[in-house]
N, C-alpha and C. Protein backbone atom coordinates (compact mmCIF):
# COMPACT_ATOMS: atom_id res chain seq x y z
N MET A 1 -6.63 -7.10 -5.57
CA MET A 1 -6.42 -7.65 -4.13
C MET A 1 -5.28 -8.40 -4.25
N LYS A 2 -4.42 -8.64 -5.06
CA LYS A 2 -3.14 -9.33 -4.76
C LYS A 2 -1.95 -8.35 -4.20
N TYR A 3 -2.39 -6.32 -5.08
CA TYR A 3 -1.87 -6.03 -3.83
C TYR A 3 -1.87 -5.53 -2.47
N TRP A 4 -3.10 -5.39 -2.45
CA TRP A 4 -3.46 -5.52 -0.89
C TRP A 4 -2.99 -7.00 -0.20
N ALA A 5 -2.77 -7.50 -0.67
CA ALA A 5 -2.96 -8.94 0.19
C ALA A 5 -0.51 -9.00 0.23
N TYR A 6 -0.61 -8.39 -0.81
CA TYR A 6 1.12 -8.47 -0.80
C TYR A 6 1.95 -7.36 0.34
N PHE A 7 0.47 -6.15 0.33
CA PHE A 7 1.11 -5.16 1.77
C PHE A 7 0.70 -5.82 2.90
N ALA A 8 -0.21 -6.21 3.16
CA ALA A 8 -0.12 -7.36 4.12
C ALA A 8 0.31 -7.95 4.87
N ALA A 9 0.79 -8.54 3.60
CA ALA A 9 2.24 -9.62 3.79
C ALA A 9 3.11 -8.84 4.57
N LYS A 10 3.39 -7.65 4.15
CA LYS A 10 4.98 -7.39 4.05
C LYS A 10 4.62 -6.41 5.80
N LEU A 11 3.57 -6.31 6.02
CA LEU A 11 2.87 -5.69 7.50
C LEU A 11 2.76 -6.95 8.54
N VAL A 12 2.87 -8.13 7.95
CA VAL A 12 2.67 -9.31 9.02
C VAL A 12 4.63 -9.85 8.84
N ALA A 13 5.53 -9.49 8.43
CA ALA A 13 6.54 -9.77 7.94
C ALA A 13 7.54 -8.54 8.95
N VAL A 14 6.72 -7.48 9.42
CA VAL A 14 7.82 -6.29 9.94
C VAL A 14 7.35 -6.75 11.50
N ALA A 15 6.11 -7.20 11.55
CA ALA A 15 5.98 -7.34 12.44
C ALA A 15 6.01 -9.09 13.41
N ALA A 16 6.33 -9.67 12.59
CA ALA A 16 7.12 -10.74 13.16
C ALA A 16 8.60 -10.85 13.41
N LEU A 17 9.44 -9.52 12.67
CA LEU A 17 10.45 -9.39 12.48
C LEU A 17 10.60 -8.49 13.84
N MET A 18 9.62 -7.99 14.61
CA MET A 18 10.14 -6.95 15.80
C MET A 18 9.50 -8.03 16.45
N ARG A 19 8.54 -9.14 16.07
CA ARG A 19 8.11 -9.73 17.42
C ARG A 19 9.70 -10.52 18.14
N GLY A 20 10.15 -10.75 16.49
CA GLY A 20 11.34 -11.87 17.52
C GLY A 20 12.44 -11.56 17.42
N LEU A 21 12.40 -9.93 16.72
CA LEU A 21 13.53 -9.01 17.74
C LEU A 21 14.44 -8.87 19.58
N TRP A 22 12.19 -8.74 20.00
CA TRP A 22 11.90 -7.86 21.43
C TRP A 22 12.76 -8.76 22.30
N PRO A 23 12.56 -10.40 22.45
CA PRO A 23 13.57 -10.97 23.60
C PRO A 23 15.15 -10.51 23.09
N LEU A 24 15.72 -10.59 22.28
CA LEU A 24 16.92 -10.02 22.28
C LEU A 24 17.35 -9.23 22.79
N VAL A 25 16.58 -7.97 22.36
CA VAL A 25 16.56 -6.36 22.86
C VAL A 25 16.85 -7.19 24.30
N GLN A 26 15.69 -7.15 24.86
CA GLN A 26 15.43 -7.53 26.56
C GLN A 26 16.64 -8.23 27.09
N ARG A 27 17.00 -9.20 26.49
CA ARG A 27 18.10 -9.54 26.93
C ARG A 27 19.63 -8.87 26.94
N LEU A 28 19.80 -7.83 26.08
CA LEU A 28 20.84 -6.95 25.38
C LEU A 28 20.75 -5.91 26.49
N LEU A 29 19.53 -5.44 26.73
CA LEU A 29 19.25 -4.23 27.72
C LEU A 29 20.16 -4.41 29.30
N PRO A 30 20.61 -3.79 29.50
CA PRO A 30 21.31 -4.08 31.41
C PRO A 30 19.81 -4.47 32.23
N GLU A 31 20.05 -5.32 33.09
CA GLU A 31 18.92 -5.44 34.24
C GLU A 31 19.21 -4.07 35.19
N PRO A 32 17.75 -3.18 35.14
CA PRO A 32 18.05 -1.80 36.46
C PRO A 32 18.02 -2.66 37.96
N GLU A 33 19.35 -1.22 38.20
CA GLU A 33 19.14 -1.70 39.82
C GLU A 33 17.89 -1.19 40.76
N PRO A 34 17.85 -2.37 41.57
CA PRO A 34 16.47 -1.40 42.45
C PRO A 34 16.90 0.24 43.40
N PHE A 35 15.98 0.74 43.63
CA PHE A 35 16.17 1.96 43.91
C PHE A 35 14.93 2.10 45.48
N LEU A 36 15.33 2.59 46.59
CA LEU A 36 15.12 2.47 47.47
C LEU A 36 14.46 1.68 47.97
N MET A 37 14.92 -0.03 47.82
CA MET A 37 14.33 -1.33 47.78
C MET A 37 12.19 -1.29 47.31
N ALA A 38 11.95 -0.70 45.81
CA ALA A 38 11.44 0.21 45.47
C ALA A 38 11.92 -1.29 43.69
N ASP A 39 10.89 -1.75 43.40
CA ASP A 39 10.58 -2.68 42.41
C ASP A 39 9.38 -1.62 41.14
N LEU A 40 10.11 -0.89 40.27
CA LEU A 40 9.51 -0.21 39.47
C LEU A 40 10.03 -0.85 38.34
N HIS A 41 8.88 -1.09 37.32
CA HIS A 41 9.13 -1.46 36.23
C HIS A 41 10.52 0.00 35.23
N PRO A 42 11.11 -1.14 34.88
CA PRO A 42 12.57 0.09 34.18
C PRO A 42 12.26 1.05 33.11
N MET A 43 10.86 1.06 32.64
CA MET A 43 10.55 1.63 31.44
C MET A 43 10.29 2.69 32.44
N GLY A 44 10.83 4.54 31.91
CA GLY A 44 10.70 5.70 32.22
C GLY A 44 11.75 5.54 33.36
N HIS A 45 12.33 5.12 34.05
CA HIS A 45 13.07 5.14 35.60
C HIS A 45 14.35 4.54 35.84
N ASP A 46 14.64 3.90 34.01
CA ASP A 46 16.11 3.62 33.67
C ASP A 46 16.69 4.14 32.52
N LEU A 47 17.23 4.82 32.58
CA LEU A 47 18.09 5.76 31.04
C LEU A 47 17.58 4.61 29.78
N GLY A 48 19.11 3.40 30.53
CA GLY A 48 19.41 3.09 29.57
C GLY A 48 18.54 1.93 28.73
N TYR A 49 17.49 1.62 29.69
CA TYR A 49 16.66 0.32 29.48
C TYR A 49 15.33 1.51 28.45
N THR A 50 15.38 2.69 29.07
CA THR A 50 14.41 3.15 28.31
C THR A 50 14.70 3.94 26.92
N LEU A 51 15.96 3.89 27.09
CA LEU A 51 16.74 4.32 25.21
C LEU A 51 16.78 3.38 24.51
N GLY A 52 17.00 2.45 24.95
CA GLY A 52 16.81 0.81 24.22
C GLY A 52 15.28 0.78 23.12
N VAL A 53 14.62 0.48 24.64
CA VAL A 53 13.38 0.74 24.49
C VAL A 53 12.89 1.35 23.59
N TYR A 54 12.89 2.87 23.09
CA TYR A 54 13.00 3.83 21.96
C TYR A 54 13.48 3.79 20.86
N GLY A 55 14.48 3.13 20.88
CA GLY A 55 15.60 2.38 19.71
C GLY A 55 14.68 1.65 19.13
N PHE A 56 14.37 0.58 19.64
CA PHE A 56 14.13 -0.81 19.19
C PHE A 56 12.40 -0.02 18.68
N TRP A 57 11.90 0.83 18.99
CA TRP A 57 10.35 1.83 19.01
C TRP A 57 10.75 2.42 17.29
N LEU A 58 11.89 2.96 17.22
CA LEU A 58 12.25 3.93 16.23
C LEU A 58 12.49 3.05 14.95
N ILE A 59 13.27 1.55 15.35
CA ILE A 59 13.07 0.98 14.16
C ILE A 59 12.23 -0.07 13.65
N GLY A 60 11.21 0.11 14.41
CA GLY A 60 9.63 -0.56 14.09
C GLY A 60 9.12 0.57 13.11
N ALA A 61 9.17 1.49 13.85
CA ALA A 61 8.50 2.55 12.48
C ALA A 61 9.40 2.61 11.97
N GLY A 62 10.53 2.95 11.24
CA GLY A 62 11.32 2.94 10.30
C GLY A 62 10.91 2.38 9.25
N LEU A 63 10.50 0.71 9.44
CA LEU A 63 10.53 -0.54 8.77
C LEU A 63 9.06 -0.37 7.99
N LEU A 64 7.70 0.05 8.90
CA LEU A 64 6.81 0.20 8.63
C LEU A 64 6.63 1.55 7.65
N TYR A 65 7.66 2.33 7.94
CA TYR A 65 7.52 3.77 6.58
C TYR A 65 7.66 2.78 5.18
N LEU A 66 9.24 2.02 5.41
CA LEU A 66 9.71 1.43 4.30
C LEU A 66 8.72 0.70 3.76
N ALA A 67 7.90 0.25 4.12
CA ALA A 67 7.28 -0.86 3.92
C ALA A 67 5.45 -0.31 2.81
N VAL A 68 5.84 1.23 3.88
CA VAL A 68 4.15 1.86 3.06
C VAL A 68 5.14 2.53 2.05
N TRP A 69 6.34 2.92 1.90
CA TRP A 69 6.79 3.80 1.05
C TRP A 69 6.84 2.67 -0.01
N ASP A 70 7.23 1.61 -0.23
CA ASP A 70 7.61 0.87 -1.63
C ASP A 70 6.20 0.05 -2.20
N GLN A 71 5.51 -0.02 -0.48
CA GLN A 71 3.88 -0.07 -1.72
C GLN A 71 3.79 1.21 -2.53
N ARG A 72 3.76 2.10 -2.51
CA ARG A 72 3.39 3.35 -3.07
C ARG A 72 3.52 3.45 -4.15
N PHE A 73 4.78 2.66 -4.81
CA PHE A 73 5.54 2.85 -5.79
C PHE A 73 5.40 1.16 -7.15
N ARG A 74 4.45 0.54 -6.71
CA ARG A 74 4.87 -1.08 -7.64
C ARG A 74 3.18 -0.81 -8.27
N CYS A 75 3.26 -1.83 -9.08
CA CYS A 75 2.15 -1.96 -9.87
C CYS A 75 1.10 -2.56 -9.09
N ARG A 76 -0.34 -1.92 -9.59
CA ARG A 76 -1.26 -2.75 -9.11
C ARG A 76 -1.59 -3.83 -9.63
N THR A 77 -0.54 -4.75 -10.74
CA THR A 77 -1.50 -5.76 -11.55
C THR A 77 -0.53 -6.81 -10.63
N CYS A 78 0.72 -6.34 -11.24
CA CYS A 78 2.08 -7.46 -11.37
C CYS A 78 3.11 -7.56 -10.20
N LEU A 79 2.66 -5.95 -9.29
CA LEU A 79 3.57 -5.65 -8.11
C LEU A 79 4.82 -5.88 -8.20
N ARG A 80 5.56 -5.34 -9.61
CA ARG A 80 6.51 -4.78 -9.81
C ARG A 80 7.02 -3.28 -9.30
N ARG A 81 8.17 -3.07 -9.49
CA ARG A 81 8.48 -1.40 -9.31
C ARG A 81 8.18 -0.66 -10.53
N LEU A 82 8.22 0.53 -10.22
CA LEU A 82 7.06 1.41 -11.41
C LEU A 82 8.51 2.04 -11.75
N ARG A 83 8.80 2.06 -12.66
CA ARG A 83 9.86 2.94 -13.31
C ARG A 83 9.89 3.98 -14.19
N MET A 84 10.82 4.32 -14.87
CA MET A 84 10.81 5.44 -15.99
C MET A 84 9.81 6.83 -15.39
N PRO A 85 10.65 7.64 -14.43
CA PRO A 85 10.29 8.78 -14.25
C PRO A 85 10.09 9.68 -15.32
N ILE A 86 9.25 10.33 -15.26
CA ILE A 86 8.91 11.38 -16.59
C ILE A 86 8.10 12.75 -15.56
N ALA A 87 8.37 13.59 -15.54
CA ALA A 87 8.09 14.81 -15.71
C ALA A 87 7.50 15.51 -16.66
N ARG A 88 5.69 16.07 -15.93
CA ARG A 88 4.89 16.35 -16.95
C ARG A 88 4.28 17.33 -16.50
N GLY A 89 3.81 18.52 -17.14
CA GLY A 89 3.53 19.67 -17.15
C GLY A 89 4.68 20.81 -16.84
N SER A 90 4.23 22.01 -16.68
CA SER A 90 4.97 23.37 -16.28
C SER A 90 5.10 24.27 -15.29
N TRP A 91 5.86 24.59 -14.72
CA TRP A 91 5.88 25.28 -13.49
C TRP A 91 5.51 27.02 -14.18
N ASN A 92 6.04 27.09 -15.47
CA ASN A 92 6.36 28.29 -15.71
C ASN A 92 4.83 28.47 -16.68
N HIS A 93 3.90 26.84 -17.05
CA HIS A 93 2.84 27.40 -18.21
C HIS A 93 1.45 26.31 -17.28
N MET A 94 1.15 26.39 -16.68
CA MET A 94 0.86 25.41 -15.12
C MET A 94 -0.76 25.89 -16.03
N LEU A 95 -1.13 26.91 -16.94
CA LEU A 95 -2.44 27.03 -17.12
C LEU A 95 -2.64 26.32 -18.32
N LEU A 96 -1.54 26.40 -19.52
CA LEU A 96 -1.76 25.85 -20.72
C LEU A 96 -0.94 24.20 -20.82
N LEU A 97 0.13 23.83 -20.38
CA LEU A 97 0.21 22.41 -19.93
C LEU A 97 0.00 21.92 -18.50
N GLY A 98 -1.18 22.40 -17.65
CA GLY A 98 -0.81 21.49 -17.19
C GLY A 98 -0.33 21.83 -15.67
N ARG A 99 -1.18 21.26 -14.81
CA ARG A 99 0.43 21.37 -13.31
C ARG A 99 1.02 20.45 -13.46
N PRO A 100 2.34 21.04 -12.78
CA PRO A 100 3.20 19.34 -12.60
C PRO A 100 3.48 18.39 -12.26
N HIS A 101 3.53 17.21 -12.39
CA HIS A 101 3.47 16.33 -12.02
C HIS A 101 4.44 15.32 -12.30
N THR A 102 4.64 14.12 -11.82
CA THR A 102 5.61 12.75 -12.17
C THR A 102 5.23 11.74 -12.57
N GLU A 103 5.21 11.35 -13.65
CA GLU A 103 4.72 9.98 -14.18
C GLU A 103 5.83 8.67 -13.90
N TYR A 104 4.78 7.44 -13.38
CA TYR A 104 5.92 6.10 -13.69
C TYR A 104 4.69 5.59 -14.63
N ILE A 105 5.79 4.23 -14.92
CA ILE A 105 4.79 3.51 -15.54
C ILE A 105 5.27 2.06 -15.68
N CYS A 106 4.62 0.92 -15.71
CA CYS A 106 4.82 -0.26 -15.55
C CYS A 106 5.69 -0.58 -16.62
N LEU A 107 6.38 -1.66 -16.87
CA LEU A 107 7.41 -2.12 -17.73
C LEU A 107 6.34 -2.97 -18.60
N TYR A 108 5.86 -3.26 -18.12
CA TYR A 108 4.80 -4.69 -18.38
C TYR A 108 3.66 -4.01 -19.08
N GLY A 109 3.55 -2.65 -18.82
CA GLY A 109 1.89 -1.73 -19.43
C GLY A 109 0.81 -2.46 -18.95
N HIS A 110 1.34 -2.27 -17.69
CA HIS A 110 -0.26 -2.66 -16.60
C HIS A 110 -1.07 -1.22 -16.70
N GLY A 111 -0.23 -0.24 -16.53
CA GLY A 111 -0.51 0.85 -16.19
C GLY A 111 0.67 2.50 -15.64
N THR A 112 -0.33 3.46 -15.09
CA THR A 112 0.52 4.26 -14.57
C THR A 112 0.20 5.29 -14.18
N LEU A 113 1.41 5.60 -13.27
CA LEU A 113 1.00 6.31 -11.60
C LEU A 113 1.26 7.46 -11.98
N LYS A 114 0.12 8.47 -11.68
CA LYS A 114 0.85 9.84 -11.88
C LYS A 114 0.65 10.12 -9.90
N VAL A 115 1.90 11.34 -9.89
CA VAL A 115 2.54 11.49 -8.66
C VAL A 115 2.45 13.39 -9.07
N PRO A 116 1.16 13.70 -7.83
CA PRO A 116 1.47 15.04 -8.51
C PRO A 116 2.66 16.19 -7.69
N ASP A 117 2.98 17.15 -8.17
CA ASP A 117 3.98 17.75 -7.85
C ASP A 117 4.01 18.98 -6.70
N LEU A 118 2.98 19.63 -7.77
CA LEU A 118 2.44 20.93 -6.58
C LEU A 118 0.60 20.54 -5.66
N HIS A 119 1.23 20.65 -4.33
CA HIS A 119 0.02 20.75 -3.42
C HIS A 119 -0.26 21.82 -3.32
N LEU A 120 -1.97 21.92 -4.05
CA LEU A 120 -2.81 23.96 -3.79
C LEU A 120 -3.30 23.55 -2.07
N THR A 121 -3.97 22.32 -2.46
CA THR A 121 -4.94 21.97 -1.12
C THR A 121 -4.96 21.07 -0.32
N GLY A 122 -3.35 20.55 -0.14
CA GLY A 122 -3.41 19.90 1.21
C GLY A 122 -2.39 18.77 -0.29
N LYS A 123 -2.33 17.39 0.69
CA LYS A 123 -1.54 16.26 0.60
C LYS A 123 -2.78 15.53 -0.49
N GLU A 124 -2.53 15.16 -2.10
CA GLU A 124 -3.00 15.02 -2.69
C GLU A 124 -2.47 13.62 -3.27
N SER A 125 -3.92 12.82 -3.28
CA SER A 125 -3.21 11.25 -3.61
C SER A 125 -2.58 10.94 -4.96
N PRO A 126 -1.91 10.34 -5.06
CA PRO A 126 -1.56 10.17 -6.41
C PRO A 126 -2.94 9.24 -7.49
N ASP A 127 -2.61 9.29 -8.86
CA ASP A 127 -3.75 9.03 -9.55
C ASP A 127 -3.35 7.32 -10.12
N TRP A 128 -3.50 6.36 -10.22
CA TRP A 128 -3.44 5.34 -11.13
C TRP A 128 -4.35 4.71 -12.12
N ALA A 129 -3.88 4.88 -13.05
CA ALA A 129 -4.93 4.84 -14.55
C ALA A 129 -3.80 3.11 -14.45
N GLU A 130 -5.41 2.54 -15.11
CA GLU A 130 -4.82 1.10 -15.86
C GLU A 130 -5.18 0.85 -17.37
N HIS A 131 -4.07 0.21 -18.06
CA HIS A 131 -4.08 0.77 -19.15
C HIS A 131 -5.06 -1.31 -20.37
N ARG A 132 -4.79 -0.88 -20.97
CA ARG A 132 -5.43 -2.13 -21.44
C ARG A 132 -4.70 -2.86 -22.21
N ASP A 133 -4.82 -3.85 -22.52
CA ASP A 133 -3.41 -4.67 -22.92
C ASP A 133 -2.43 -3.84 -24.28
N ILE A 134 -1.14 -4.12 -23.82
CA ILE A 134 -0.21 -3.05 -24.75
C ILE A 134 -0.16 -3.30 -26.09
N TRP A 135 -0.41 -5.07 -26.13
CA TRP A 135 0.33 -5.29 -27.48
C TRP A 135 -1.03 -4.98 -27.91
N THR A 136 -2.61 -4.79 -27.26
CA THR A 136 -3.84 -4.28 -28.33
C THR A 136 -3.21 -2.59 -28.84
N GLU A 137 -3.02 -2.51 -27.69
CA GLU A 137 -2.89 -0.83 -28.28
C GLU A 137 -1.57 -0.53 -28.95
N LEU A 138 -0.78 -1.31 -29.25
CA LEU A 138 0.02 -1.11 -30.36
C LEU A 138 -0.30 -1.58 -31.77
N GLU A 139 -0.90 -2.66 -31.92
CA GLU A 139 -2.21 -3.28 -33.01
C GLU A 139 -2.71 -2.01 -33.70
N LEU A 140 -3.25 -1.60 -32.68
CA LEU A 140 -4.31 -0.92 -32.98
C LEU A 140 -3.38 0.39 -33.90
N LEU A 141 -2.27 0.71 -32.94
CA LEU A 141 -1.92 2.22 -33.39
C LEU A 141 -0.99 2.03 -34.75
N ASP A 142 -0.51 0.15 -34.69
CA ASP A 142 -0.06 0.00 -36.42
C ASP A 142 -1.06 0.04 -37.27
N ALA A 143 -2.30 -0.46 -36.88
CA ALA A 143 -3.31 -0.74 -38.48
C ALA A 143 -3.79 0.56 -38.67
N GLY A 144 -3.94 1.76 -37.80
CA GLY A 144 -4.74 3.19 -38.29
C GLY A 144 -3.22 3.48 -39.15
N LYS A 145 -1.98 3.32 -39.07
CA LYS A 145 -1.10 3.63 -39.82
C LYS A 145 -0.88 3.29 -41.67
N ARG A 146 -1.22 1.96 -41.41
CA ARG A 146 -1.68 1.52 -43.18
C ARG A 146 -2.60 2.41 -43.70
């Protein structure tokens, strides 16, 4: 739940930033000159205004893309960035070693994100595998060696 609340907070922050910048963009854009005594809306009729609005829209779309891209590589439990990418599988031996993918892990042992490198049937979503408590797993491994 915390994962999606953080994502919603990022989207609200992007929307608030863009809403706050819109009056500044309108103030910076030149006032259009009337043409043949017609008071038309400048969007689509004035090149400077139209380019300014499209540039503003492009900045907003870029911020939205960065928010989504950043969210994909965050831990679902602690919201920290996932680290230590490891290439798994093999391009040459797919049948023996599995399809190639990249694994990212949470530094605190909350889980692993597997991002496929090979897309045979279209875009595949990453697979999040949650781990148990890392200290319990380490103690079980240590107890098995004795």
